C-alpha atoms as a PDB file:
ATOM      1  CA  MET A   1      12.554 -33.124 -10.503  1.00  0.00           C
ATOM      2  CA  SER A   2      13.228 -30.117  -8.237  1.00  0.00           C
ATOM      3  CA  ASP A   3      15.201 -29.913  -5.445  1.00  0.00           C
ATOM      4  CA  PRO A   4      13.504 -29.167  -2.456  1.00  0.00           C
ATOM      5  CA  ALA A   5      16.673 -27.857  -0.784  1.00  0.00           C
ATOM      6  CA  LEU A   6      17.569 -24.726  -3.617  1.00  0.00           C
ATOM      7  CA  PRO A   7      16.460 -21.901  -2.790  1.00  0.00           C
ATOM      8  CA  THR A   8      13.298 -19.854  -4.645  1.00  0.00           C
ATOM      9  CA  ARG A   9      13.800 -18.419  -7.854  1.00  0.00           C
ATOM     10  CA  PRO A  10      15.386 -14.612  -7.746  1.00  0.00           C
ATOM     11  CA  ILE A  11      12.614 -12.951  -9.917  1.00  0.00           C
ATOM     12  CA  ALA A  12       9.536 -14.350  -7.516  1.00  0.00           C
ATOM     13  CA  THR A  13      11.830 -13.152  -4.135  1.00  0.00           C
ATOM     14  CA  ALA A  14      12.031  -9.955  -6.120  1.00  0.00           C
ATOM     15  CA  LEU A  15       8.921  -9.372  -6.838  1.00  0.00           C
ATOM     16  CA  ARG A  16       7.745 -10.198  -3.416  1.00  0.00           C
ATOM     17  CA  TYR A  17      10.250  -7.760  -1.883  1.00  0.00           C
ATOM     18  CA  LEU A  18       8.942  -4.785  -4.515  1.00  0.00           C
ATOM     19  CA  ALA A  19       5.476  -6.072  -3.336  1.00  0.00           C
ATOM     20  CA  ILE A  20       6.145  -5.579  -0.045  1.00  0.00           C
ATOM     21  CA  ILE A  21       8.006  -1.796  -0.923  1.00  0.00           C
ATOM     22  CA  VAL A  22       4.799  -0.990  -3.105  1.00  0.00           C
ATOM     23  CA  GLY A  23       2.109  -1.977  -0.092  1.00  0.00           C
ATOM     24  CA  CYS A  24       4.143  -0.162   2.487  1.00  0.00           C
ATOM     25  CA  ALA A  25       4.391   2.858   0.429  1.00  0.00           C
ATOM     26  CA  CYS A  26       1.164   3.041  -0.762  1.00  0.00           C
ATOM     27  CA  LEU A  27      -0.161   2.513   3.174  1.00  0.00           C
ATOM     28  CA  LEU A  28       2.151   5.729   3.586  1.00  0.00           C
ATOM     29  CA  LEU A  29       0.622   7.446   1.724  1.00  0.00           C
ATOM     30  CA  ALA A  30      -2.827   7.004   2.372  1.00  0.00           C
ATOM     31  CA  ALA A  31      -2.133   8.175   6.063  1.00  0.00           C
ATOM     32  CA  PHE A  32      -1.050  11.460   5.018  1.00  0.00           C
ATOM     33  CA  CYS A  33      -3.425  11.539   2.386  1.00  0.00           C
ATOM     34  CA  LEU A  34      -5.941  11.003   5.280  1.00  0.00           C
ATOM     35  CA  ALA A  35      -4.725  12.871   7.605  1.00  0.00           C
ATOM     36  CA  ILE A  36      -4.484  16.359   5.657  1.00  0.00           C
ATOM     37  CA  ALA A  37      -8.663  15.385   4.970  1.00  0.00           C
ATOM     38  CA  ALA A  38      -8.589  15.515   8.788  1.00  0.00           C
ATOM     39  CA  GLN A  39      -6.928  18.454   9.212  1.00  0.00           C
ATOM     40  CA  VAL A  40      -8.575  20.588   6.232  1.00  0.00           C
ATOM     41  CA  PHE A  41     -12.382  19.177   7.922  1.00  0.00           C
ATOM     42  CA  VAL A  42     -11.630  20.248  11.313  1.00  0.00           C
ATOM     43  CA  GLN A  43     -10.066  24.146   9.929  1.00  0.00           C
ATOM     44  CA  THR A  44     -12.579  24.408   7.255  1.00  0.00           C
ATOM     45  CA  GLY A  45     -15.569  22.171   8.145  1.00  0.00           C
ATOM     46  CA  VAL A  46     -15.586  21.749   4.786  1.00  0.00           C
ATOM     47  CA  PHE A  47     -14.983  17.648   3.840  1.00  0.00           C
ATOM     48  CA  ALA A  48     -11.746  17.502   1.526  1.00  0.00           C
ATOM     49  CA  GLN A  49     -13.186  14.557  -0.807  1.00  0.00           C
ATOM     50  CA  SER A  50     -10.453  14.508  -3.325  1.00  0.00           C
ATOM     51  CA  TYR A  51      -7.559  13.618  -0.423  1.00  0.00           C
ATOM     52  CA  ALA A  52     -10.287  11.210   1.542  1.00  0.00           C
ATOM     53  CA  MET A  53     -10.517   9.491  -2.131  1.00  0.00           C
ATOM     54  CA  VAL A  54      -7.058   9.204  -3.147  1.00  0.00           C
ATOM     55  CA  GLY A  55      -6.491   7.862   0.457  1.00  0.00           C
ATOM     56  CA  LEU A  56      -9.175   5.446   0.666  1.00  0.00           C
ATOM     57  CA  ILE A  57      -7.704   3.958  -2.983  1.00  0.00           C
ATOM     58  CA  SER A  58      -4.027   4.073  -1.697  1.00  0.00           C
ATOM     59  CA  ALA A  59      -4.922   2.026   1.189  1.00  0.00           C
ATOM     60  CA  VAL A  60      -6.615  -0.549  -0.846  1.00  0.00           C
ATOM     61  CA  LEU A  61      -4.126  -0.706  -3.666  1.00  0.00           C
ATOM     62  CA  GLY A  62      -2.085  -1.287  -0.931  1.00  0.00           C
ATOM     63  CA  VAL A  63      -3.765  -4.085   1.423  1.00  0.00           C
ATOM     64  CA  LEU A  64      -3.855  -6.272  -2.070  1.00  0.00           C
ATOM     65  CA  ALA A  65       0.243  -5.611  -2.759  1.00  0.00           C
ATOM     66  CA  LEU A  66       0.712  -6.822   0.946  1.00  0.00           C
ATOM     67  CA  MET A  67      -1.809  -9.700  -0.394  1.00  0.00           C
ATOM     68  CA  LEU A  68      -0.078 -10.595  -3.269  1.00  0.00           C
ATOM     69  CA  ALA A  69       3.329 -10.358  -1.312  1.00  0.00           C
ATOM     70  CA  TRP A  70       1.527 -12.482   1.209  1.00  0.00           C
ATOM     71  CA  LYS A  71       1.397 -15.684  -0.689  1.00  0.00           C
END
């Protein structure tokens, strides 16, 4: 039987922290990419689709990683 007073497994804790770090990094990358896409659009009037797509994909991956860390 397992004792409920024992701390959680160290690997599970490490994976949770890693998921938090990766999620935050992905959201930061998404913010940078979307800011660059917006700046290119304002300056040139041309939509920077590649930056916007990388930003959206990065945002989705960041949210998924943070959802994984939450459980």
